[in-house]
C-alpha cells in the first residue's frame, strides 16, 4: 500500500511539474512583450530577451498621451457592450425556447444555424459592405454591432441551450403548481440557475468583439472611429518606422481590461463551460 501511495504521489508530482512548465512556456510571449514595452529601443530584437538596459515607462506614457488610445478604448467598449447586450438579449430567449419547447422545424433550425456558423465571415464581407454603403452604415457603430451580434448569436444559442437542457423541467412544473407565472418562473428561477452559462457566454462575446480586427478595420475607416485592434494596426502601418516597444506597451494595456473581466468571472467558468451536454 505504501509503495502504491508513493507511486501515486510521485506521478501526481511529475504531472503537476509538467503543467507548471507548460504554463511557464505559454507565458513566455507575454513576458517578452512586457520586457519589450519597457525598453528604450524600438527594435523587437535589439534588447534581447533578458531585462532591457535602462528600463523605462515612456512607451506607456506615449501611448496614453500622444496617441488616441483612450478614444480607441472608448470605441471598443461601446462596440463590445452594445454587441453583448443585443446578442445576449436575443440568444437567451432563443436558447431557452429551443431547450424547452418542441415545435415543428426545431431540429432543422438548429442544424441550419450550425451550418451557417461553419461558413467564414469573410465570405459575406463584400455583400455586407455594399449593403451598408447603400444604407449609410459605414463608419457607424450600429452596423458593426449588427454584424457582430448576428454572428455571435448562433454560438450563444448553442452554448446556452446545452446548459438549459441540464436544468430539470420538474423545477418549473413545481413552481407552476405553486402559482408562479411564466415570467416569474423565467426571471426568478431559470435565469438565476443559468447564470454561470449566461455570464460565460456574455464574456466570450465581449472578448470576440474586443479582439476582432477584420470587420472593424473594413467598416470603420476614420481614425476617430477605430477600435483598439484597428488603432494598434495603425501604429505599425508606417513602412519606414515601426516602434515595437510602443506597440507592445499598447498590447499590454489592451489586455488589462480583459484580464480584470476574466478574474471577476473565474468562479463561473468551469460550470458555465462544462455543465451538461447538448441534448436533442
C-alpha atoms as a PDB file:
ATOM      1  CA  UNK A   1       0.000   0.000   0.000  1.00  0.00           C
ATOM      2  CA  UNK A   2       2.797   2.393   0.882  1.00  0.00           C
ATOM      3  CA  UNK A   3       4.521   1.705  -2.431  1.00  0.00           C
ATOM      4  CA  UNK A   4       1.295   2.391  -4.352  1.00  0.00           C
ATOM      5  CA  UNK A   5       0.751   5.611  -2.420  1.00  0.00           C
ATOM      6  CA  UNK A   6       4.353   6.686  -3.055  1.00  0.00           C
ATOM      7  CA  UNK A   7       3.987   5.934  -6.784  1.00  0.00           C
ATOM      8  CA  UNK A   8       0.744   7.889  -6.903  1.00  0.00           C
ATOM      9  CA  UNK A   9       2.311  10.891  -5.160  1.00  0.00           C
ATOM     10  CA  UNK A  10       5.328  10.732  -7.473  1.00  0.00           C
ATOM     11  CA  UNK A  11       3.089  10.527 -10.534  1.00  0.00           C
ATOM     12  CA  UNK A  12       0.988  13.484  -9.420  1.00  0.00           C
ATOM     13  CA  UNK A  13       4.128  15.494  -8.636  1.00  0.00           C
ATOM     14  CA  UNK A  14       5.544  14.853 -12.105  1.00  0.00           C
ATOM     15  CA  UNK A  15       2.190  15.751 -13.680  1.00  0.00           C
ATOM     16  CA  UNK A  16       1.990  18.985 -11.695  1.00  0.00           C
ATOM     17  CA  UNK A  17       5.545  19.913 -12.649  1.00  0.00           C
ATOM     18  CA  UNK A  18       4.682  19.271 -16.289  1.00  0.00           C
ATOM     19  CA  UNK A  19       1.624  21.560 -16.075  1.00  0.00           C
ATOM     20  CA  UNK A  20       3.659  24.259 -14.331  1.00  0.00           C
ATOM     21  CA  UNK A  21       6.273  24.042 -17.094  1.00  0.00           C
ATOM     22  CA  UNK A  22       3.588  24.291 -19.776  1.00  0.00           C
ATOM     23  CA  UNK A  23       2.084  27.360 -18.072  1.00  0.00           C
ATOM     24  CA  UNK A  24       5.514  28.979 -17.928  1.00  0.00           C
ATOM     25  CA  UNK A  25       6.098  28.278 -21.622  1.00  0.00           C
ATOM     26  CA  UNK A  26       2.764  29.858 -22.577  1.00  0.00           C
ATOM     27  CA  UNK A  27       3.637  32.946 -20.515  1.00  0.00           C
ATOM     28  CA  UNK A  28       6.965  33.494 -22.310  1.00  0.00           C
ATOM     29  CA  UNK A  29       5.465  35.613 -25.161  1.00  0.00           C
ATOM     30  CA  UNK A  30       3.624  37.786 -22.618  1.00  0.00           C
ATOM     31  CA  UNK A  31       6.798  38.224 -20.580  1.00  0.00           C
ATOM     32  CA  UNK A  32       8.726  39.131 -23.727  1.00  0.00           C
ATOM     33  CA  UNK A  33       6.072  41.678 -24.735  1.00  0.00           C
ATOM     34  CA  UNK A  34       6.228  43.286 -21.289  1.00  0.00           C
ATOM     35  CA  UNK A  35      10.041  43.472 -21.318  1.00  0.00           C
ATOM     36  CA  UNK A  36       9.906  44.963 -24.795  1.00  0.00           C
ATOM     37  CA  UNK A  37       7.339  47.531 -23.642  1.00  0.00           C
ATOM     38  CA  UNK A  38       9.742  48.935 -21.035  1.00  0.00           C
ATOM     39  CA  UNK A  39      12.677  49.017 -23.442  1.00  0.00           C
ATOM     40  CA  UNK A  40      14.324  52.163 -24.823  1.00  0.00           C
ATOM     41  CA  UNK A  41      14.805  50.553 -28.229  1.00  0.00           C
ATOM     42  CA  UNK A  42      12.229  50.295 -31.000  1.00  0.00           C
ATOM     43  CA  UNK A  43      13.505  47.032 -32.487  1.00  0.00           C
ATOM     44  CA  UNK A  44      11.867  43.755 -31.468  1.00  0.00           C
ATOM     45  CA  UNK A  45      15.267  42.049 -31.129  1.00  0.00           C
ATOM     46  CA  UNK A  46      17.592  44.836 -30.135  1.00  0.00           C
ATOM     47  CA  UNK A  47      17.329  44.444 -26.359  1.00  0.00           C
ATOM     48  CA  UNK A  48      17.384  40.676 -26.283  1.00  0.00           C
ATOM     49  CA  UNK A  49      15.084  38.568 -24.155  1.00  0.00           C
ATOM     50  CA  UNK A  50      16.518  39.461 -20.733  1.00  0.00           C
ATOM     51  CA  UNK A  51      15.727  42.622 -18.783  1.00  0.00           C
ATOM     52  CA  UNK A  52      16.432  45.583 -21.089  1.00  0.00           C
ATOM     53  CA  UNK A  53      19.082  48.144 -20.294  1.00  0.00           C
ATOM     54  CA  UNK A  54      17.695  51.311 -18.692  1.00  0.00           C
ATOM     55  CA  UNK A  55      14.052  50.174 -18.449  1.00  0.00           C
ATOM     56  CA  UNK A  56      11.539  52.991 -18.814  1.00  0.00           C
ATOM     57  CA  UNK A  57       7.804  53.641 -18.801  1.00  0.00           C
ATOM     58  CA  UNK A  58       7.977  56.243 -21.565  1.00  0.00           C
ATOM     59  CA  UNK A  59       6.230  53.910 -24.026  1.00  0.00           C
ATOM     60  CA  UNK A  60       3.184  53.691 -21.763  1.00  0.00           C
ATOM     61  CA  UNK A  61       3.215  57.458 -21.353  1.00  0.00           C
ATOM     62  CA  UNK A  62       3.468  57.940 -25.107  1.00  0.00           C
ATOM     63  CA  UNK A  63       0.609  55.573 -25.929  1.00  0.00           C
ATOM     64  CA  UNK A  64      -1.680  57.220 -23.387  1.00  0.00           C
ATOM     65  CA  UNK A  65      -0.803  60.878 -24.021  1.00  0.00           C
ATOM     66  CA  UNK A  66       0.478  61.107 -27.591  1.00  0.00           C
ATOM     67  CA  UNK A  67      -1.799  58.576 -29.312  1.00  0.00           C
ATOM     68  CA  UNK A  68      -5.646  58.479 -29.281  1.00  0.00           C
ATOM     69  CA  UNK A  69      -5.541  55.288 -27.225  1.00  0.00           C
ATOM     70  CA  UNK A  70      -8.380  56.347 -24.923  1.00  0.00           C
ATOM     71  CA  UNK A  71     -10.584  57.126 -27.942  1.00  0.00           C
ATOM     72  CA  UNK A  72      -9.916  53.657 -29.338  1.00  0.00           C
ATOM     73  CA  UNK A  73     -10.643  52.205 -25.913  1.00  0.00           C
ATOM     74  CA  UNK A  74     -13.987  54.015 -25.756  1.00  0.00           C
ATOM     75  CA  UNK A  75     -14.922  52.758 -29.238  1.00  0.00           C
ATOM     76  CA  UNK A  76     -14.084  49.164 -28.310  1.00  0.00           C
ATOM     77  CA  UNK A  77     -16.100  49.419 -25.095  1.00  0.00           C
ATOM     78  CA  UNK A  78     -19.136  50.792 -26.965  1.00  0.00           C
ATOM     79  CA  UNK A  79     -18.975  48.068 -29.607  1.00  0.00           C
ATOM     80  CA  UNK A  80     -18.340  45.274 -27.094  1.00  0.00           C
ATOM     81  CA  UNK A  81     -21.108  46.262 -24.690  1.00  0.00           C
ATOM     82  CA  UNK A  82     -23.573  47.029 -27.496  1.00  0.00           C
ATOM     83  CA  UNK A  83     -22.943  43.675 -29.153  1.00  0.00           C
ATOM     84  CA  UNK A  84     -23.127  41.790 -25.861  1.00  0.00           C
ATOM     85  CA  UNK A  85     -26.462  43.386 -24.905  1.00  0.00           C
ATOM     86  CA  UNK A  86     -28.044  42.764 -28.320  1.00  0.00           C
ATOM     87  CA  UNK A  87     -26.641  39.254 -28.779  1.00  0.00           C
ATOM     88  CA  UNK A  88     -27.482  38.084 -25.258  1.00  0.00           C
ATOM     89  CA  UNK A  89     -30.910  39.718 -25.294  1.00  0.00           C
ATOM     90  CA  UNK A  90     -31.909  37.628 -28.310  1.00  0.00           C
ATOM     91  CA  UNK A  91     -29.939  34.421 -27.722  1.00  0.00           C
ATOM     92  CA  UNK A  92     -31.015  33.856 -24.095  1.00  0.00           C
ATOM     93  CA  UNK A  93     -34.682  33.751 -25.066  1.00  0.00           C
ATOM     94  CA  UNK A  94     -33.977  31.741 -28.226  1.00  0.00           C
ATOM     95  CA  UNK A  95     -31.829  29.138 -26.450  1.00  0.00           C
ATOM     96  CA  UNK A  96     -34.481  28.730 -23.726  1.00  0.00           C
ATOM     97  CA  UNK A  97     -37.171  28.239 -26.385  1.00  0.00           C
ATOM     98  CA  UNK A  98     -35.068  25.659 -28.256  1.00  0.00           C
ATOM     99  CA  UNK A  99     -34.401  23.825 -24.998  1.00  0.00           C
ATOM    100  CA  UNK A 100     -37.910  23.742 -23.520  1.00  0.00           C
ATOM    101  CA  UNK A 101     -40.366  23.781 -26.436  1.00  0.00           C
ATOM    102  CA  UNK A 102     -40.913  21.177 -29.130  1.00  0.00           C
ATOM    103  CA  UNK A 103     -42.187  22.785 -32.313  1.00  0.00           C
ATOM    104  CA  UNK A 104     -42.158  21.958 -35.998  1.00  0.00           C
ATOM    105  CA  UNK A 105     -38.796  22.624 -37.641  1.00  0.00           C
ATOM    106  CA  UNK A 106     -36.932  22.938 -34.333  1.00  0.00           C
ATOM    107  CA  UNK A 107     -34.156  20.451 -35.134  1.00  0.00           C
ATOM    108  CA  UNK A 108     -33.865  21.714 -38.701  1.00  0.00           C
ATOM    109  CA  UNK A 109     -33.429  25.302 -37.482  1.00  0.00           C
ATOM    110  CA  UNK A 110     -30.703  24.261 -35.035  1.00  0.00           C
ATOM    111  CA  UNK A 111     -28.869  22.391 -37.782  1.00  0.00           C
ATOM    112  CA  UNK A 112     -29.251  25.345 -40.156  1.00  0.00           C
ATOM    113  CA  UNK A 113     -27.763  27.699 -37.555  1.00  0.00           C
ATOM    114  CA  UNK A 114     -24.837  25.334 -37.114  1.00  0.00           C
ATOM    115  CA  UNK A 115     -24.252  25.165 -40.873  1.00  0.00           C
ATOM    116  CA  UNK A 116     -24.383  28.960 -41.168  1.00  0.00           C
ATOM    117  CA  UNK A 117     -21.828  29.275 -38.399  1.00  0.00           C
ATOM    118  CA  UNK A 118     -19.466  26.974 -40.299  1.00  0.00           C
ATOM    119  CA  UNK A 119     -19.022  29.477 -43.163  1.00  0.00           C
ATOM    120  CA  UNK A 120     -16.164  32.000 -42.732  1.00  0.00           C
ATOM    121  CA  UNK A 121     -17.417  35.519 -42.107  1.00  0.00           C
ATOM    122  CA  UNK A 122     -15.104  36.947 -44.742  1.00  0.00           C
ATOM    123  CA  UNK A 123     -17.242  35.333 -47.457  1.00  0.00           C
ATOM    124  CA  UNK A 124     -20.054  37.750 -46.689  1.00  0.00           C
ATOM    125  CA  UNK A 125     -17.895  40.838 -46.206  1.00  0.00           C
ATOM    126  CA  UNK A 126     -18.219  42.263 -49.729  1.00  0.00           C
ATOM    127  CA  UNK A 127     -22.007  41.830 -49.816  1.00  0.00           C
ATOM    128  CA  UNK A 128     -22.413  43.401 -46.364  1.00  0.00           C
ATOM    129  CA  UNK A 129     -20.107  46.269 -47.348  1.00  0.00           C
ATOM    130  CA  UNK A 130     -22.209  47.087 -50.428  1.00  0.00           C
ATOM    131  CA  UNK A 131     -25.398  46.815 -48.382  1.00  0.00           C
ATOM    132  CA  UNK A 132     -24.111  49.049 -45.584  1.00  0.00           C
ATOM    133  CA  UNK A 133     -22.805  51.600 -48.086  1.00  0.00           C
ATOM    134  CA  UNK A 134     -26.289  51.995 -49.531  1.00  0.00           C
ATOM    135  CA  UNK A 135     -27.776  52.202 -46.018  1.00  0.00           C
ATOM    136  CA  UNK A 136     -25.170  54.764 -44.816  1.00  0.00           C
ATOM    137  CA  UNK A 137     -23.979  52.397 -42.083  1.00  0.00           C
ATOM    138  CA  UNK A 138     -20.272  52.651 -42.859  1.00  0.00           C
ATOM    139  CA  UNK A 139     -18.252  54.342 -40.086  1.00  0.00           C
ATOM    140  CA  UNK A 140     -21.246  53.626 -37.863  1.00  0.00           C
ATOM    141  CA  UNK A 141     -21.250  51.578 -34.672  1.00  0.00           C
ATOM    142  CA  UNK A 142     -24.790  50.336 -35.283  1.00  0.00           C
ATOM    143  CA  UNK A 143     -23.848  48.492 -38.465  1.00  0.00           C
ATOM    144  CA  UNK A 144     -20.867  46.789 -36.862  1.00  0.00           C
ATOM    145  CA  UNK A 145     -22.899  45.848 -33.779  1.00  0.00           C
ATOM    146  CA  UNK A 146     -25.484  44.194 -36.051  1.00  0.00           C
ATOM    147  CA  UNK A 147     -22.749  42.169 -37.769  1.00  0.00           C
ATOM    148  CA  UNK A 148     -21.130  41.065 -34.513  1.00  0.00           C
ATOM    149  CA  UNK A 149     -24.435  40.279 -32.793  1.00  0.00           C
ATOM    150  CA  UNK A 150     -25.683  38.261 -35.749  1.00  0.00           C
ATOM    151  CA  UNK A 151     -22.546  36.155 -35.915  1.00  0.00           C
ATOM    152  CA  UNK A 152     -22.299  35.581 -32.138  1.00  0.00           C
ATOM    153  CA  UNK A 153     -25.988  34.770 -31.653  1.00  0.00           C
ATOM    154  CA  UNK A 154     -25.506  31.336 -33.210  1.00  0.00           C
ATOM    155  CA  UNK A 155     -22.657  30.453 -30.864  1.00  0.00           C
ATOM    156  CA  UNK A 156     -24.574  31.840 -27.881  1.00  0.00           C
ATOM    157  CA  UNK A 157     -27.738  29.887 -28.676  1.00  0.00           C
ATOM    158  CA  UNK A 158     -25.911  26.578 -28.954  1.00  0.00           C
ATOM    159  CA  UNK A 159     -23.772  27.214 -25.907  1.00  0.00           C
ATOM    160  CA  UNK A 160     -26.637  28.181 -23.592  1.00  0.00           C
ATOM    161  CA  UNK A 161     -29.113  25.626 -24.947  1.00  0.00           C
ATOM    162  CA  UNK A 162     -26.903  22.839 -23.617  1.00  0.00           C
ATOM    163  CA  UNK A 163     -26.960  24.448 -20.178  1.00  0.00           C
ATOM    164  CA  UNK A 164     -30.732  24.993 -20.191  1.00  0.00           C
ATOM    165  CA  UNK A 165     -31.096  21.288 -21.053  1.00  0.00           C
ATOM    166  CA  UNK A 166     -29.403  20.377 -17.755  1.00  0.00           C
ATOM    167  CA  UNK A 167     -31.927  22.326 -15.636  1.00  0.00           C
ATOM    168  CA  UNK A 168     -34.644  19.828 -14.594  1.00  0.00           C
ATOM    169  CA  UNK A 169     -38.025  20.732 -16.010  1.00  0.00           C
ATOM    170  CA  UNK A 170     -39.560  19.473 -12.759  1.00  0.00           C
ATOM    171  CA  UNK A 171     -38.410  22.715 -11.101  1.00  0.00           C
ATOM    172  CA  UNK A 172     -40.566  24.719 -13.479  1.00  0.00           C
ATOM    173  CA  UNK A 173     -43.513  22.366 -13.023  1.00  0.00           C
ATOM    174  CA  UNK A 174     -43.281  22.685  -9.238  1.00  0.00           C
ATOM    175  CA  UNK A 175     -43.160  26.487  -9.500  1.00  0.00           C
ATOM    176  CA  UNK A 176     -46.138  26.433 -11.840  1.00  0.00           C
ATOM    177  CA  UNK A 177     -48.133  24.339  -9.355  1.00  0.00           C
ATOM    178  CA  UNK A 178     -47.286  26.891  -6.643  1.00  0.00           C
ATOM    179  CA  UNK A 179     -48.881  29.599  -8.753  1.00  0.00           C
ATOM    180  CA  UNK A 180     -45.836  31.071 -10.484  1.00  0.00           C
ATOM    181  CA  UNK A 181     -46.454  32.818 -13.781  1.00  0.00           C
ATOM    182  CA  UNK A 182     -44.257  32.074 -16.831  1.00  0.00           C
ATOM    183  CA  UNK A 183     -42.462  35.392 -16.365  1.00  0.00           C
ATOM    184  CA  UNK A 184     -41.799  34.747 -12.682  1.00  0.00           C
ATOM    185  CA  UNK A 185     -40.517  31.230 -13.418  1.00  0.00           C
ATOM    186  CA  UNK A 186     -38.060  32.520 -16.003  1.00  0.00           C
ATOM    187  CA  UNK A 187     -36.819  35.594 -14.110  1.00  0.00           C
ATOM    188  CA  UNK A 188     -36.748  34.208 -10.571  1.00  0.00           C
ATOM    189  CA  UNK A 189     -35.867  30.543 -11.151  1.00  0.00           C
ATOM    190  CA  UNK A 190     -34.459  29.696 -14.577  1.00  0.00           C
ATOM    191  CA  UNK A 191     -32.207  32.701 -15.206  1.00  0.00           C
ATOM    192  CA  UNK A 192     -30.563  32.561 -11.736  1.00  0.00           C
ATOM    193  CA  UNK A 193     -29.886  28.840 -12.248  1.00  0.00           C
ATOM    194  CA  UNK A 194     -28.440  29.513 -15.714  1.00  0.00           C
ATOM    195  CA  UNK A 195     -26.321  32.443 -14.507  1.00  0.00           C
ATOM    196  CA  UNK A 196     -22.921  30.678 -14.990  1.00  0.00           C
ATOM    197  CA  UNK A 197     -23.649  29.880 -18.625  1.00  0.00           C
ATOM    198  CA  UNK A 198     -25.102  33.325 -19.335  1.00  0.00           C
ATOM    199  CA  UNK A 199     -22.124  35.122 -17.776  1.00  0.00           C
ATOM    200  CA  UNK A 200     -19.525  32.967 -19.537  1.00  0.00           C
ATOM    201  CA  UNK A 201     -21.269  33.295 -22.909  1.00  0.00           C
ATOM    202  CA  UNK A 202     -21.564  37.073 -22.481  1.00  0.00           C
ATOM    203  CA  UNK A 203     -17.860  37.363 -21.669  1.00  0.00           C
ATOM    204  CA  UNK A 204     -16.903  35.227 -24.680  1.00  0.00           C
ATOM    205  CA  UNK A 205     -18.978  37.534 -26.896  1.00  0.00           C
ATOM    206  CA  UNK A 206     -17.251  40.503 -25.266  1.00  0.00           C
ATOM    207  CA  UNK A 207     -13.783  39.044 -25.881  1.00  0.00           C
ATOM    208  CA  UNK A 208     -14.601  38.244 -29.513  1.00  0.00           C
ATOM    209  CA  UNK A 209     -15.646  41.828 -30.253  1.00  0.00           C
ATOM    210  CA  UNK A 210     -12.739  43.246 -28.226  1.00  0.00           C
ATOM    211  CA  UNK A 211     -10.195  41.357 -30.354  1.00  0.00           C
ATOM    212  CA  UNK A 212     -11.984  41.455 -33.729  1.00  0.00           C
ATOM    213  CA  UNK A 213      -9.892  43.166 -36.392  1.00  0.00           C
ATOM    214  CA  UNK A 214     -11.019  42.391 -39.937  1.00  0.00           C
ATOM    215  CA  UNK A 215     -14.540  43.863 -39.916  1.00  0.00           C
ATOM    216  CA  UNK A 216     -13.530  46.717 -37.614  1.00  0.00           C
ATOM    217  CA  UNK A 217     -10.838  47.965 -39.994  1.00  0.00           C
ATOM    218  CA  UNK A 218     -13.060  47.451 -43.059  1.00  0.00           C
ATOM    219  CA  UNK A 219     -16.244  49.173 -41.874  1.00  0.00           C
ATOM    220  CA  UNK A 220     -14.678  51.865 -39.652  1.00  0.00           C
ATOM    221  CA  UNK A 221     -12.381  53.927 -41.878  1.00  0.00           C
ATOM    222  CA  UNK A 222     -11.931  57.135 -39.876  1.00  0.00           C
ATOM    223  CA  UNK A 223      -9.292  57.356 -37.174  1.00  0.00           C
ATOM    224  CA  UNK A 224     -11.719  58.674 -34.582  1.00  0.00           C
ATOM    225  CA  UNK A 225     -13.827  55.533 -35.110  1.00  0.00           C
ATOM    226  CA  UNK A 226     -11.007  52.998 -34.818  1.00  0.00           C
ATOM    227  CA  UNK A 227     -11.267  50.245 -32.256  1.00  0.00           C
ATOM    228  CA  UNK A 228      -8.247  49.099 -30.278  1.00  0.00           C
ATOM    229  CA  UNK A 229      -7.463  46.416 -32.858  1.00  0.00           C
ATOM    230  CA  UNK A 230      -7.583  48.904 -35.730  1.00  0.00           C
ATOM    231  CA  UNK A 231      -5.689  51.537 -33.770  1.00  0.00           C
ATOM    232  CA  UNK A 232      -2.896  49.129 -32.869  1.00  0.00           C
ATOM    233  CA  UNK A 233      -2.561  48.204 -36.522  1.00  0.00           C
ATOM    234  CA  UNK A 234      -2.180  51.871 -37.426  1.00  0.00           C
ATOM    235  CA  UNK A 235       0.738  52.134 -35.009  1.00  0.00           C
ATOM    236  CA  UNK A 236       2.612  49.669 -37.207  1.00  0.00           C
ATOM    237  CA  UNK A 237       1.245  50.794 -40.586  1.00  0.00           C
ATOM    238  CA  UNK A 238       4.179  53.067 -41.342  1.00  0.00           C
ATOM    239  CA  UNK A 239       6.539  51.362 -43.776  1.00  0.00           C
ATOM    240  CA  UNK A 240       9.541  53.443 -42.708  1.00  0.00           C
ATOM    241  CA  UNK A 241       9.498  53.357 -38.906  1.00  0.00           C
ATOM    242  CA  UNK A 242       7.961  50.799 -36.562  1.00  0.00           C
ATOM    243  CA  UNK A 243       8.238  51.044 -32.811  1.00  0.00           C
ATOM    244  CA  UNK A 244       7.709  47.556 -31.433  1.00  0.00           C
ATOM    245  CA  UNK A 245       8.242  48.774 -27.879  1.00  0.00           C
ATOM    246  CA  UNK A 246       5.349  51.241 -28.278  1.00  0.00           C
ATOM    247  CA  UNK A 247       3.220  48.540 -29.873  1.00  0.00           C
ATOM    248  CA  UNK A 248       3.995  46.142 -27.003  1.00  0.00           C
ATOM    249  CA  UNK A 249       3.047  48.769 -24.419  1.00  0.00           C
ATOM    250  CA  UNK A 250      -0.289  49.242 -26.168  1.00  0.00           C
ATOM    251  CA  UNK A 251      -0.841  45.477 -26.333  1.00  0.00           C
ATOM    252  CA  UNK A 252      -0.213  45.141 -22.585  1.00  0.00           C
ATOM    253  CA  UNK A 253      -2.670  47.962 -21.848  1.00  0.00           C
ATOM    254  CA  UNK A 254      -5.302  46.365 -24.108  1.00  0.00           C
ATOM    255  CA  UNK A 255      -5.087  43.061 -22.235  1.00  0.00           C
ATOM    256  CA  UNK A 256      -5.665  44.573 -18.774  1.00  0.00           C
ATOM    257  CA  UNK A 257      -9.482  45.075 -19.076  1.00  0.00           C
ATOM    258  CA  UNK A 258      -9.936  41.517 -20.379  1.00  0.00           C
ATOM    259  CA  UNK A 259      -7.855  40.113 -17.528  1.00  0.00           C
ATOM    260  CA  UNK A 260      -9.961  42.013 -14.995  1.00  0.00           C
ATOM    261  CA  UNK A 261     -13.158  40.670 -16.535  1.00  0.00           C
ATOM    262  CA  UNK A 262     -11.747  37.136 -16.623  1.00  0.00           C
ATOM    263  CA  UNK A 263     -10.725  37.132 -12.971  1.00  0.00           C
ATOM    264  CA  UNK A 264     -14.084  38.553 -11.932  1.00  0.00           C
ATOM    265  CA  UNK A 265     -15.997  35.648 -13.541  1.00  0.00           C
ATOM    266  CA  UNK A 266     -13.458  32.884 -12.952  1.00  0.00           C
ATOM    267  CA  UNK A 267     -15.717  31.084 -10.466  1.00  0.00           C
ATOM    268  CA  UNK A 268     -18.366  30.695 -13.179  1.00  0.00           C
ATOM    269  CA  UNK A 269     -16.020  29.440 -15.901  1.00  0.00           C
ATOM    270  CA  UNK A 270     -15.956  25.693 -15.161  1.00  0.00           C
ATOM    271  CA  UNK A 271     -19.695  25.255 -14.529  1.00  0.00           C
ATOM    272  CA  UNK A 272     -20.594  27.571 -17.361  1.00  0.00           C
ATOM    273  CA  UNK A 273     -18.480  25.752 -19.954  1.00  0.00           C
ATOM    274  CA  UNK A 274     -18.700  22.111 -18.890  1.00  0.00           C
ATOM    275  CA  UNK A 275     -22.013  21.522 -17.126  1.00  0.00           C
ATOM    276  CA  UNK A 276     -24.121  19.125 -19.143  1.00  0.00           C
ATOM    277  CA  UNK A 277     -24.127  18.122 -22.763  1.00  0.00           C
ATOM    278  CA  UNK A 278     -26.273  19.287 -25.619  1.00  0.00           C
ATOM    279  CA  UNK A 279     -29.447  17.242 -25.847  1.00  0.00           C
ATOM    280  CA  UNK A 280     -31.596  16.862 -28.872  1.00  0.00           C
END
